[in-house]
Protein backbone atom coordinates (compact mmCIF):
# COMPACT_ATOMS: atom_id res chain seq x y z
CA UNK A 1 0.00 0.00 0.00
CA UNK A 2 1.09 3.58 -0.55
CA UNK A 3 -0.11 7.12 -0.12
CA UNK A 4 -1.48 9.10 -3.05
CA UNK A 5 -1.08 12.82 -3.62
CA UNK A 6 -4.55 13.27 -2.12
CA UNK A 7 -3.59 11.43 1.07
CA UNK A 8 -5.72 8.32 0.44
CA UNK A 9 -4.24 4.83 0.40
CA UNK A 10 -3.69 3.48 -3.09
CA UNK A 11 -5.04 0.06 -3.97
CA UNK A 12 -3.71 -1.55 -7.13
CA UNK A 13 -6.57 -3.61 -8.53
CA UNK A 14 -6.46 -6.30 -11.15
CA UNK A 15 -7.53 -5.11 -14.60
CA UNK A 16 -9.02 -7.01 -17.50
CA UNK A 17 -10.23 -6.38 -21.03
CA UNK A 18 -13.94 -7.09 -21.18
CA UNK A 19 -14.37 -6.46 -24.88
CA UNK A 20 -12.35 -5.45 -27.91
CA UNK A 21 -13.83 -3.22 -30.62
CA UNK A 22 -12.12 -3.06 -34.00
CA UNK A 23 -12.42 -0.76 -36.99
CA UNK A 24 -16.17 -1.26 -37.29
CA UNK A 25 -18.00 1.04 -34.82
CA UNK A 26 -19.96 -0.63 -32.03
CA UNK A 27 -22.26 0.67 -29.32
CA UNK A 28 -21.17 0.67 -25.69
CA UNK A 29 -23.33 2.21 -22.97
CA UNK A 30 -25.13 4.37 -25.51
CA UNK A 31 -22.04 5.69 -27.31
CA UNK A 32 -20.33 4.52 -30.48
CA UNK A 33 -16.65 3.54 -30.36
CA UNK A 34 -14.09 1.82 -32.55
CA UNK A 35 -10.45 0.71 -32.27
CA UNK A 36 -10.51 0.38 -28.51
CA UNK A 37 -10.66 -1.96 -25.52
CA UNK A 38 -13.39 -1.91 -22.89
CA UNK A 39 -11.46 -2.35 -19.67
CA UNK A 40 -12.51 -3.13 -16.14
CA UNK A 41 -10.05 -1.78 -13.56
CA UNK A 42 -11.19 -2.01 -9.97
CA UNK A 43 -14.69 -0.55 -9.72
CA UNK A 44 -14.41 1.48 -12.94
CA UNK A 45 -15.00 0.63 -16.60
CA UNK A 46 -12.89 2.49 -19.15
CA UNK A 47 -12.76 2.80 -22.94
CA UNK A 48 -9.10 2.81 -24.04
CA UNK A 49 -7.86 3.47 -27.57
CA UNK A 50 -5.69 0.83 -29.21
CA UNK A 51 -3.25 3.67 -29.97
CA UNK A 52 -3.12 5.10 -26.46
CA UNK A 53 0.28 5.96 -25.04
CA UNK A 54 1.48 6.46 -21.47
CA UNK A 55 3.51 9.66 -21.08
CA UNK A 56 5.39 10.52 -17.90
CA UNK A 57 6.05 14.25 -17.54
CA UNK A 58 8.82 13.54 -15.09
CA UNK A 59 9.67 17.10 -14.04
CA UNK A 60 8.51 20.63 -14.88
CA UNK A 61 11.95 22.24 -14.46
CA UNK A 62 14.09 22.80 -17.55
CA UNK A 63 17.51 24.20 -18.40
CA UNK A 64 15.98 26.00 -21.38
CA UNK A 65 13.18 28.51 -21.87
CA UNK A 66 12.17 27.65 -25.44
CA UNK A 67 9.95 30.32 -26.94
CA UNK A 68 7.59 27.61 -28.18
CA UNK A 69 7.34 25.70 -24.88
CA UNK A 70 3.83 24.28 -24.59
CA UNK A 71 4.21 23.78 -20.83
CA UNK A 72 4.11 27.56 -20.39
CA UNK A 73 0.87 28.08 -22.28
CA UNK A 74 -1.36 25.49 -20.68
CA UNK A 75 -1.73 23.25 -17.68
CA UNK A 76 1.52 21.59 -16.60
CA UNK A 77 1.49 21.36 -12.81
CA UNK A 78 4.76 21.61 -10.92
CA UNK A 79 6.03 19.00 -8.52
CA UNK A 80 9.09 16.97 -7.53
CA UNK A 81 10.78 14.61 -9.97
CA UNK A 82 8.56 11.56 -10.47
CA UNK A 83 9.71 8.50 -8.59
CA UNK A 84 8.58 4.91 -8.74
CA UNK A 85 6.04 3.99 -6.09
CA UNK A 86 2.46 2.80 -5.58
CA UNK A 87 0.92 5.70 -7.55
CA UNK A 88 2.99 5.02 -10.67
CA UNK A 89 2.67 1.29 -10.16
CA UNK A 90 -1.11 1.68 -10.35
CA UNK A 91 -0.86 3.73 -13.56
CA UNK A 92 1.47 1.18 -15.13
CA UNK A 93 -0.84 -1.68 -14.13
CA UNK A 94 -3.80 0.13 -15.68
CA UNK A 95 -1.90 0.85 -18.90
CA UNK A 96 -0.70 -2.71 -19.35
CA UNK A 97 -4.11 -4.17 -18.50
CA UNK A 98 -5.67 -1.82 -21.09
CA UNK A 99 -3.34 -2.89 -23.87
CA UNK A 100 -1.09 0.19 -23.83
CA UNK A 101 2.34 -0.84 -25.09
CA UNK A 102 4.13 2.51 -25.54
CA UNK A 103 5.61 4.72 -22.84
CA UNK A 104 7.31 8.10 -23.21
CA UNK A 105 9.34 10.27 -20.84
CA UNK A 106 9.28 14.05 -21.17
CA UNK A 107 9.35 17.22 -19.10
CA UNK A 108 10.58 19.95 -18.54
CA UNK A 109 13.93 18.34 -19.13
CA UNK A 110 14.00 14.69 -17.97
CA UNK A 111 17.81 14.39 -18.01
CA UNK A 112 18.40 17.30 -15.62
CA UNK A 113 18.58 14.60 -12.93
CA UNK A 114 20.28 11.66 -14.69
CA UNK A 115 20.14 9.24 -11.77
CA UNK A 116 16.47 9.89 -11.11
CA UNK A 117 15.76 9.50 -14.82
CA UNK A 118 17.47 6.12 -14.91
CA UNK A 119 15.87 4.86 -11.70
CA UNK A 120 12.41 5.78 -12.97
CA UNK A 121 12.88 4.38 -16.46
CA UNK A 122 14.42 1.17 -15.19
CA UNK A 123 11.29 0.57 -13.09
CA UNK A 124 8.75 1.60 -15.74
CA UNK A 125 10.04 0.38 -19.12
CA UNK A 126 9.89 -3.40 -18.57
CA UNK A 127 6.71 -4.93 -20.09
CA UNK A 128 6.27 -2.09 -22.62
CA UNK A 129 7.07 -2.79 -26.27
CA UNK A 130 8.39 0.71 -26.99
CA UNK A 131 9.82 3.47 -24.82
CA UNK A 132 10.90 6.93 -26.00
CA UNK A 133 12.71 9.78 -24.26
CA UNK A 134 12.11 13.42 -25.27
CA UNK A 135 15.10 15.60 -24.33
CA UNK A 136 17.34 18.50 -25.29
CA UNK A 137 20.23 16.19 -24.45
CA UNK A 138 21.91 17.94 -21.55
CA UNK A 139 22.27 14.85 -19.35
CA UNK A 140 22.60 11.99 -21.84
CA UNK A 141 26.34 11.53 -21.28
CA UNK A 142 26.29 11.92 -17.48
CA UNK A 143 27.26 8.85 -15.45
CA UNK A 144 24.62 6.97 -13.46
CA UNK A 145 24.65 3.98 -11.14
CA UNK A 146 22.99 0.85 -12.49
CA UNK A 147 22.62 -2.75 -11.28
CA UNK A 148 25.48 -3.64 -13.65
CA UNK A 149 27.82 -0.78 -12.72
CA UNK A 150 28.28 2.86 -13.76
CA UNK A 151 27.36 3.90 -17.30
CA UNK A 152 26.44 6.97 -19.33
CA UNK A 153 22.73 7.71 -18.92
CA UNK A 154 21.84 6.99 -22.55
CA UNK A 155 23.66 3.64 -22.52
CA UNK A 156 21.96 2.70 -19.25
CA UNK A 157 18.53 3.60 -20.63
CA UNK A 158 19.09 1.61 -23.81
CA UNK A 159 20.12 -1.42 -21.80
CA UNK A 160 16.94 -1.00 -19.74
CA UNK A 161 14.85 -1.13 -22.92
CA UNK A 162 14.69 2.43 -24.28
CA UNK A 163 13.77 2.06 -27.96
CA UNK A 164 14.00 5.69 -29.09
CA UNK A 165 15.15 9.18 -28.20
CA UNK A 166 13.77 12.40 -29.66
CA UNK A 167 16.38 15.15 -29.40
CA UNK A 168 14.97 18.67 -29.54
CA UNK A 169 16.95 21.09 -31.73
CA UNK A 170 15.16 24.14 -33.16
CA UNK A 171 17.83 25.06 -35.73
CA UNK A 172 21.02 23.54 -37.08
CA UNK A 173 22.89 26.84 -36.62
CA UNK A 174 24.04 26.97 -32.95
CA UNK A 175 23.44 30.71 -32.58
CA UNK A 176 19.95 30.55 -34.05
CA UNK A 177 19.17 27.51 -31.93
CA UNK A 178 20.34 29.26 -28.76
CA UNK A 179 18.19 32.28 -29.60
CA UNK A 180 15.07 30.13 -29.95
CA UNK A 181 15.66 27.59 -27.18
CA UNK A 182 17.24 30.07 -24.72
CA UNK A 183 19.49 27.76 -22.72
CA UNK A 184 20.88 28.80 -19.37
CA UNK A 185 24.39 30.30 -19.04
CA UNK A 186 26.15 27.02 -18.20
CA UNK A 187 25.22 25.06 -21.37
CA UNK A 188 24.92 26.13 -24.99
CA UNK A 189 23.32 23.01 -26.42
CA UNK A 190 24.56 19.69 -27.73
CA UNK A 191 27.86 19.63 -29.60
CA UNK A 192 28.46 17.58 -32.74
CA UNK A 193 30.26 15.07 -30.52
CA UNK A 194 27.22 14.86 -28.25
CA UNK A 195 24.98 14.15 -31.25
CA UNK A 196 27.31 11.43 -32.52
CA UNK A 197 27.25 9.90 -29.05
CA UNK A 198 23.52 9.44 -29.67
CA UNK A 199 23.52 8.37 -33.31
CA UNK A 200 26.34 5.85 -32.91
CA UNK A 201 23.99 3.83 -30.71
CA UNK A 202 21.36 3.41 -33.43
CA UNK A 203 20.31 -0.20 -33.99
CA UNK A 204 17.31 -2.33 -34.85
CA UNK A 205 16.23 -1.88 -31.23
CA UNK A 206 17.06 1.82 -30.72
CA UNK A 207 16.14 4.71 -33.05
CA UNK A 208 17.42 8.27 -32.46
CA UNK A 209 15.45 11.16 -33.96
CA UNK A 210 15.87 14.92 -34.27
CA UNK A 211 12.79 16.95 -33.34
CA UNK A 212 12.38 20.49 -34.68
CA UNK A 213 9.59 22.87 -33.71
CA UNK A 214 9.18 25.21 -36.67
CA UNK A 215 9.33 28.93 -35.88
CA UNK A 216 9.46 32.15 -37.94
CA UNK A 217 13.10 32.80 -36.98
CA UNK A 218 14.09 29.14 -37.24
CA UNK A 219 12.95 26.41 -39.63
CA UNK A 220 9.91 27.64 -41.54
CA UNK A 221 10.33 26.66 -45.21
CA UNK A 222 10.95 23.49 -47.21
CA UNK A 223 14.47 24.75 -47.96
CA UNK A 224 15.07 25.14 -44.22
CA UNK A 225 13.85 21.59 -43.62
CA UNK A 226 16.27 20.13 -46.16
CA UNK A 227 19.18 22.15 -44.78
CA UNK A 228 18.31 20.86 -41.29
CA UNK A 229 18.12 17.24 -42.47
CA UNK A 230 21.40 17.47 -44.39
CA UNK A 231 23.08 18.74 -41.22
CA UNK A 232 21.48 16.01 -39.11
CA UNK A 233 22.40 13.31 -41.61
CA UNK A 234 26.08 14.27 -41.38
CA UNK A 235 25.82 13.64 -37.64
CA UNK A 236 24.23 10.21 -38.20
CA UNK A 237 20.50 10.90 -37.83
CA UNK A 238 18.11 9.21 -40.22
CA UNK A 239 14.79 10.18 -38.62
CA UNK A 240 13.37 13.68 -38.24
CA UNK A 241 10.13 15.33 -37.20
CA UNK A 242 9.09 18.91 -37.93
CA UNK A 243 6.28 20.27 -35.75
CA UNK A 244 4.22 23.43 -35.68
CA UNK A 245 3.88 25.34 -32.42
CA UNK A 246 1.13 24.00 -30.18
CA UNK A 247 -2.40 25.34 -30.56
CA UNK A 248 -4.40 25.49 -27.34
CA UNK A 249 -8.09 26.46 -27.12
CA UNK A 250 -8.64 29.81 -25.42
CA UNK A 251 -10.36 28.45 -22.26
CA UNK A 252 -7.31 26.29 -21.49
CA UNK A 253 -4.62 28.81 -22.49
CA UNK A 254 -2.56 30.76 -19.98
CA UNK A 255 -2.12 34.47 -20.79
CA UNK A 256 1.67 34.38 -21.12
CA UNK A 257 4.31 35.60 -23.58
CA UNK A 258 4.67 31.97 -24.66
CA UNK A 259 1.01 31.85 -25.62
CA UNK A 260 1.38 35.00 -27.70
CA UNK A 261 4.49 33.63 -29.41
CA UNK A 262 2.89 30.29 -30.26
CA UNK A 263 -0.18 31.99 -31.69
CA UNK A 264 1.76 34.53 -33.74
CA UNK A 265 4.46 32.11 -34.85
CA UNK A 266 2.20 29.22 -35.81
CA UNK A 267 3.25 27.71 -39.13
CA UNK A 268 0.54 25.69 -40.93
CA UNK A 269 1.86 22.63 -42.70
CA UNK A 270 -0.51 22.51 -45.69
CA UNK A 271 1.60 24.86 -47.87
CA UNK A 272 4.75 22.94 -46.91
CA UNK A 273 3.11 19.61 -47.67
CA UNK A 274 1.88 20.86 -51.04
CA UNK A 275 5.45 21.82 -51.94
CA UNK A 276 6.90 18.56 -50.64
CA UNK A 277 4.37 16.52 -52.61
CA UNK A 278 5.71 18.02 -55.83
CA UNK A 279 9.26 16.76 -55.23
CA UNK A 280 9.92 13.54 -57.20
CA UNK A 281 12.72 12.44 -54.86
CA UNK A 282 10.28 12.06 -51.98
CA UNK A 283 7.98 9.12 -51.28
CA UNK A 284 4.96 9.79 -49.09
CA UNK A 285 4.52 6.86 -46.72
CA UNK A 286 1.74 8.00 -44.37
CA UNK A 287 -0.99 10.64 -44.11
CA UNK A 288 -3.32 11.40 -41.22
CA UNK A 289 -6.01 14.06 -40.94
CA UNK A 290 -7.85 14.29 -37.62
CA UNK A 291 -9.54 17.12 -35.79
CA UNK A 292 -6.53 17.63 -33.53
CA UNK A 293 -3.64 16.69 -35.83
CA UNK A 294 -2.29 16.61 -39.36
CA UNK A 295 0.65 14.33 -40.08
CA UNK A 296 2.46 13.69 -43.37
CA UNK A 297 5.37 11.24 -43.44
CA UNK A 298 7.99 11.00 -46.17
CA UNK A 299 10.97 8.92 -47.18
CA UNK A 300 13.96 10.68 -48.77
CA UNK A 301 16.64 8.14 -49.63
CA UNK A 302 17.69 6.64 -46.30
CA UNK A 303 15.91 9.39 -44.35
CA UNK A 304 12.37 9.34 -42.99
CA UNK A 305 10.72 12.53 -41.76
CA UNK A 306 7.34 13.65 -40.45
CA UNK A 307 5.63 17.02 -40.78
CA UNK A 308 3.21 17.46 -37.90
CA UNK A 309 0.62 20.14 -37.20
CA UNK A 310 -1.06 19.33 -33.91
CA UNK A 311 -3.47 21.10 -31.65
CA UNK A 312 -4.82 20.13 -28.28
CA UNK A 313 -8.52 19.83 -27.58
CA UNK A 314 -10.66 18.52 -24.74
CA UNK A 315 -11.60 14.87 -25.05
CA UNK A 316 -14.69 14.61 -27.29
CA UNK A 317 -15.94 11.49 -25.47
CA UNK A 318 -14.96 9.07 -22.72
CA UNK A 319 -12.44 7.22 -24.89
CA UNK A 320 -8.93 7.42 -23.39
CA UNK A 321 -6.42 8.37 -26.07
CA UNK A 322 -3.55 9.23 -23.75
CA UNK A 323 -2.49 8.83 -20.15
CA UNK A 324 -0.27 11.62 -18.84
CA UNK A 325 1.30 11.46 -15.41
CA UNK A 326 2.25 15.03 -14.48
CA UNK A 327 4.98 16.16 -12.03
CA UNK A 328 2.34 16.46 -9.30
CA UNK A 329 1.98 12.67 -9.52
CA UNK A 330 -1.59 12.78 -10.86
CA UNK A 331 -2.59 10.74 -13.92
CA UNK A 332 -4.60 12.72 -16.49
CA UNK A 333 -6.31 11.63 -19.72
CA UNK A 334 -5.97 15.02 -21.45
CA UNK A 335 -3.00 17.36 -21.91
CA UNK A 336 -4.95 20.54 -21.24
CA UNK A 337 -7.94 19.79 -18.99
CA UNK A 338 -6.76 20.18 -15.37
CA UNK A 339 -9.58 18.03 -14.00
CA UNK A 340 -9.52 15.18 -16.53
CA UNK A 341 -8.09 12.64 -14.09
CA UNK A 342 -7.83 8.91 -14.66
CA UNK A 343 -8.53 7.90 -11.07
CA UNK A 344 -11.32 9.61 -9.08
CA UNK A 345 -9.33 9.56 -5.83
CA UNK A 346 -6.84 11.99 -7.40
CA UNK A 347 -9.40 14.74 -8.00
CA UNK A 348 -8.52 16.63 -4.78
CA UNK A 349 -4.84 16.77 -5.76
CA UNK A 350 -5.83 17.83 -9.29
CA UNK A 351 -8.03 20.61 -7.92
CA UNK A 352 -5.17 21.91 -5.79
CA UNK A 353 -2.85 21.91 -8.81
CA UNK A 354 -5.44 23.68 -10.96
CA UNK A 355 -5.84 26.43 -8.39
CA UNK A 356 -2.07 26.81 -8.09
CA UNK A 357 -1.41 26.87 -11.85
CA UNK A 358 -4.33 29.01 -13.00
CA UNK A 359 -4.87 31.19 -9.95
CA UNK A 360 -8.23 32.93 -10.19
CA UNK A 361 -8.85 31.95 -13.81
CA UNK A 362 -11.96 29.91 -14.52
CA UNK A 363 -11.45 26.89 -16.74
CA UNK A 364 -14.70 25.97 -18.48
CA UNK A 365 -16.69 26.82 -15.40
CA UNK A 366 -14.32 25.07 -12.99
CA UNK A 367 -12.85 27.05 -10.14
């Protein structure tokens, strides 16, 4: 037994899939669903997408102050670095029982505390098919203690089962990158040697990727994208993703400089995609158009890259598409709704975090 953030004892129930719904829509309790599992976990019944992912926002602190940071424009509650315990054990049990097979670690900056990052990942990753780390790379080469001796953090994570790392770099020119990502005075970003430390570990089991948020003063055109990929390829990267700034609905948006920047600097992908589709050297390998995301994936020789325009929206129904454990230790099923908790006993802790993060603001009638 353990103690939750709300002070109540946590019970970790057994979970089971009661019913699987495929591509053909089916009725469940008066609503229509598809591509999901109906899951019984304790006293609750949940509808969980087959594509759901568990994301651990391990810490809110960061060594950068990226102009495009989505954590500064919406609800990302503060709290200590996540540690393994009954609360996370319950979330992991729910995810695995529901058929979730992907886990991701993000922040803030997860590698600010290399040892804590390893300890957490080593406890969480087993039993998941895929595990990805999102980072600016500051702590990847720091030494950590492991059951098999000391090792660089990235090597230790790979040995524990990490299958991918997404390294955030806003521009291939160091000065432009520093202007956009605004690192602290003690670190100017990853060096070429640091990047090669990552790419030299690529294998059938581990895939490194460069992640670029497109901005007006950074990467914003097709020519910029190709220059970025040529630079990354020289360092050993073969996978890239280009993202637009995050779009957050007004009721869930904090009135900050980051919000203004993201709104003013938003780069729609349709014109870029139209230009990319005209290039004979590219092969389009995937397209997705949903209400909250547009994704176009391409192959260029030995390179694969995605162009992603995503927005966040409240959940349209009870189907769980994501599970996000925030630094306050609470598990949410939406990135932006501060009261969309997975477990009812965490509502008091969520309410406290909402009040702390939003102050006197009213979020869709909640206060």
